[in-house]
Protein backbone atom coordinates (compact mmCIF):
# COMPACT_ATOMS: atom_id res chain seq x y z
CA MET A 1 -32.29 84.67 15.58
CA ASP A 2 -33.62 88.15 14.73
CA ARG A 3 -35.89 88.51 11.96
CA SER A 4 -34.41 92.00 10.49
CA PHE A 5 -30.65 89.69 10.67
CA THR A 6 -31.92 87.12 8.30
CA LEU A 7 -33.78 89.41 6.16
CA LEU A 8 -30.03 91.75 5.98
CA LEU A 9 -28.76 88.12 5.30
CA ARG A 10 -31.36 86.85 2.59
CA ALA A 11 -30.89 90.15 1.19
CA ALA A 12 -27.07 89.73 0.74
CA ILE A 13 -27.61 86.36 -0.38
CA VAL A 14 -30.01 87.93 -3.53
CA VAL A 15 -26.91 90.79 -4.15
CA ALA A 16 -24.34 87.71 -4.66
CA LEU A 17 -26.45 85.80 -6.30
CA LEU A 18 -27.03 88.79 -9.12
CA LEU A 19 -23.08 89.58 -9.00
CA GLY A 20 -22.09 86.36 -9.72
CA LEU A 21 -24.60 86.50 -12.67
CA PHE A 22 -23.17 89.38 -13.63
CA GLY A 23 -19.91 87.43 -13.24
CA GLN A 24 -20.40 84.76 -15.24
CA PHE A 25 -21.96 86.68 -18.34
CA VAL A 26 -20.01 89.89 -18.54
CA VAL A 27 -17.24 90.36 -16.33
CA ILE A 28 -15.53 86.81 -17.05
CA PRO A 29 -16.03 86.08 -20.31
CA GLY A 30 -14.87 89.58 -20.90
CA VAL A 31 -11.72 89.19 -19.30
CA ALA A 32 -10.46 86.09 -21.06
CA ALA A 33 -11.54 88.60 -24.10
CA ALA A 34 -9.26 91.14 -23.11
CA GLU A 35 -6.46 89.30 -22.13
CA VAL A 36 -6.39 87.12 -25.68
CA ALA A 37 -6.35 90.01 -27.39
CA ARG A 38 -3.50 91.70 -24.78
CA PHE A 39 -1.76 88.30 -25.27
CA PRO A 40 -2.81 85.83 -28.09
CA PRO A 41 -0.85 82.99 -26.46
CA TYR A 42 -4.06 82.93 -23.92
CA GLU A 43 -6.27 81.68 -26.75
CA ARG A 44 -5.71 78.56 -26.32
CA ILE A 45 -6.95 78.15 -22.86
CA ALA A 46 -9.05 80.46 -22.72
CA ALA A 47 -12.72 79.03 -22.90
CA PRO A 48 -11.57 75.71 -20.69
CA TYR A 49 -10.41 78.80 -18.35
CA VAL A 50 -13.16 80.66 -18.54
CA THR A 51 -15.41 76.86 -18.33
CA VAL A 52 -13.18 76.91 -14.67
CA ALA A 53 -14.39 80.06 -13.59
CA VAL A 54 -18.16 79.99 -14.02
CA LEU A 55 -18.63 76.49 -13.24
CA GLY A 56 -16.57 77.86 -9.44
CA VAL A 57 -19.00 81.08 -9.55
CA LEU A 58 -21.69 78.48 -9.81
CA CYS A 59 -20.99 76.28 -6.95
CA VAL A 60 -20.92 79.83 -4.80
CA GLN A 61 -24.83 80.10 -5.88
CA ILE A 62 -25.56 76.64 -5.57
CA ALA A 63 -23.93 77.00 -1.71
CA LEU A 64 -26.03 80.44 -1.29
CA VAL A 65 -29.17 78.66 -2.27
CA ALA A 66 -28.77 75.80 -0.04
CA VAL A 67 -27.89 78.81 2.67
CA TRP A 68 -31.25 81.00 1.70
CA MET A 69 -32.87 77.52 2.36
CA LEU A 70 -31.70 76.93 5.56
CA LEU A 71 -32.55 80.32 6.65
CA GLY A 72 -35.52 79.20 5.98
CA MET A 73 -35.32 76.28 8.34
CA LEU A 74 -34.04 78.42 11.08
CA ARG A 75 -36.86 81.16 10.74
CA SER A 76 -39.15 77.90 10.99
CA ASP A 77 -37.41 76.88 14.29
CA THR A 78 -36.77 73.27 12.21
CA LEU A 79 -33.08 73.97 11.86
CA PHE A 80 -32.33 71.07 14.25
CA ASP A 81 -34.38 68.42 11.44
CA HIS A 82 -32.36 65.56 10.09
CA ARG A 83 -33.96 67.79 6.44
CA ALA A 84 -31.39 69.98 7.54
CA PHE A 85 -28.54 67.79 6.35
CA ALA A 86 -29.45 68.15 2.83
CA ARG A 87 -28.69 71.26 2.77
CA VAL A 88 -25.44 70.86 4.27
CA ASP A 89 -24.86 68.31 2.16
CA VAL A 90 -25.48 70.58 -0.57
CA ILE A 91 -22.97 73.46 0.56
CA ILE A 92 -20.45 70.92 1.43
CA GLY A 93 -20.54 69.51 -2.38
CA SER A 94 -20.01 72.98 -3.68
CA ALA A 95 -17.29 73.54 -1.51
CA LEU A 96 -15.51 69.99 -2.48
CA VAL A 97 -16.00 70.77 -6.45
CA ALA A 98 -15.23 74.54 -6.28
CA THR A 99 -12.07 73.15 -4.71
CA LEU A 100 -11.26 70.63 -6.97
CA LEU A 101 -11.66 73.09 -10.40
CA ALA A 102 -9.03 74.83 -8.52
CA ALA A 103 -6.73 72.20 -7.95
CA GLY A 104 -7.05 71.19 -11.48
CA VAL A 105 -5.85 74.47 -12.65
CA THR A 106 -3.47 74.43 -10.25
CA VAL A 107 -2.33 71.16 -11.53
CA HIS A 108 -2.26 73.00 -14.92
CA LEU A 109 -0.02 75.35 -14.18
CA ALA A 110 2.48 73.30 -12.37
CA LEU A 111 2.08 71.02 -15.02
CA THR A 112 2.60 72.51 -18.51
CA ASP A 113 4.66 75.53 -19.89
CA MET A 114 2.41 78.18 -20.13
CA PRO A 115 3.81 81.71 -21.72
CA PHE A 116 3.14 84.52 -19.38
CA PRO A 117 4.02 87.85 -20.55
CA ASN A 118 6.02 89.45 -18.20
CA GLY A 119 7.97 86.35 -17.27
CA ALA A 120 8.63 83.89 -14.42
CA MET A 121 6.83 85.96 -11.79
CA ASP A 122 3.39 86.07 -13.69
CA ALA A 123 3.84 82.21 -13.75
CA VAL A 124 4.88 82.23 -9.62
CA GLY A 125 2.22 84.68 -8.96
CA ALA A 126 -0.60 82.38 -11.05
CA LEU A 127 0.05 79.02 -9.54
CA GLY A 128 0.41 80.49 -6.34
CA GLY A 129 -2.92 82.30 -5.79
CA ALA A 130 -4.02 78.65 -7.61
CA PHE A 131 -2.22 76.72 -5.05
CA LEU A 132 -3.33 79.11 -1.97
CA GLY A 133 -6.90 79.14 -3.56
CA THR A 134 -6.77 75.13 -3.51
CA ALA A 135 -5.30 75.05 0.20
CA THR A 136 -8.06 77.56 0.85
CA GLY A 137 -10.71 75.20 -0.48
CA ALA A 138 -10.26 72.39 1.27
CA CYS A 139 -9.75 73.73 4.55
CA CYS A 140 -13.21 75.36 4.48
CA THR A 141 -14.57 72.40 3.06
CA MET A 142 -12.83 70.13 5.82
CA LEU A 143 -14.68 73.03 8.83
CA LEU A 144 -17.68 72.53 6.09
CA VAL A 145 -17.31 68.72 7.37
CA LEU A 146 -16.89 69.30 10.65
CA MET A 147 -20.10 71.34 11.64
CA ARG A 148 -22.20 68.98 9.24
CA GLY A 149 -20.97 66.84 12.59
CA LEU A 150 -21.92 69.52 15.23
CA LEU A 151 -25.23 70.16 13.91
CA ARG A 152 -25.70 66.33 13.76
CA LYS A 153 -24.80 65.81 18.00
CA ALA A 154 -27.23 69.20 17.78
CA THR A 155 -29.76 67.37 15.91
CA ASP A 156 -29.26 64.34 17.93
CA LEU A 157 -29.69 65.96 21.11
CA ARG A 158 -32.52 68.12 20.50
CA THR A 159 -34.51 64.87 19.54
CA GLU A 160 -33.76 62.71 23.00
CA MET A 161 -34.30 65.98 25.00
CA SER A 162 -37.95 66.12 23.07
CA GLU A 163 -38.58 62.98 23.58
CA VAL A 164 -38.26 62.74 27.53
CA ILE A 165 -39.81 66.08 27.76
């Protein structure tokens, strides 16, 4: 892979990590506080939802660090090595945890009678968004597992070829 493309990807990862930190410590708590000020019944769920949101961003950050490490392996032409599986497993685990967090929010929204300031359409929108996030996370996690299988086959083939040569 071209060195400039790898550097561009790494720069994007750094920006994403910094934006994630800003979101975790400034945006998410700030939005939660503003919502509680606007609609006081949200106060009882603000802390758990902030925690879930911060953990979701943390999952993305962990996956980005693993991608950074995979880019290093790609640069040194060791991507098709068995060490890559640990990094891929971290990415899959992060995606799975984020999906489970979204599923927990979906279940909570579906099973509780949460008040919404604008009525039923807000509830439907929140539940639909949470369900969509869960479904997207599940699809991405399954795709990552599939790609891990392809990496396994490619690594095995490369190992066989290096033994032949």
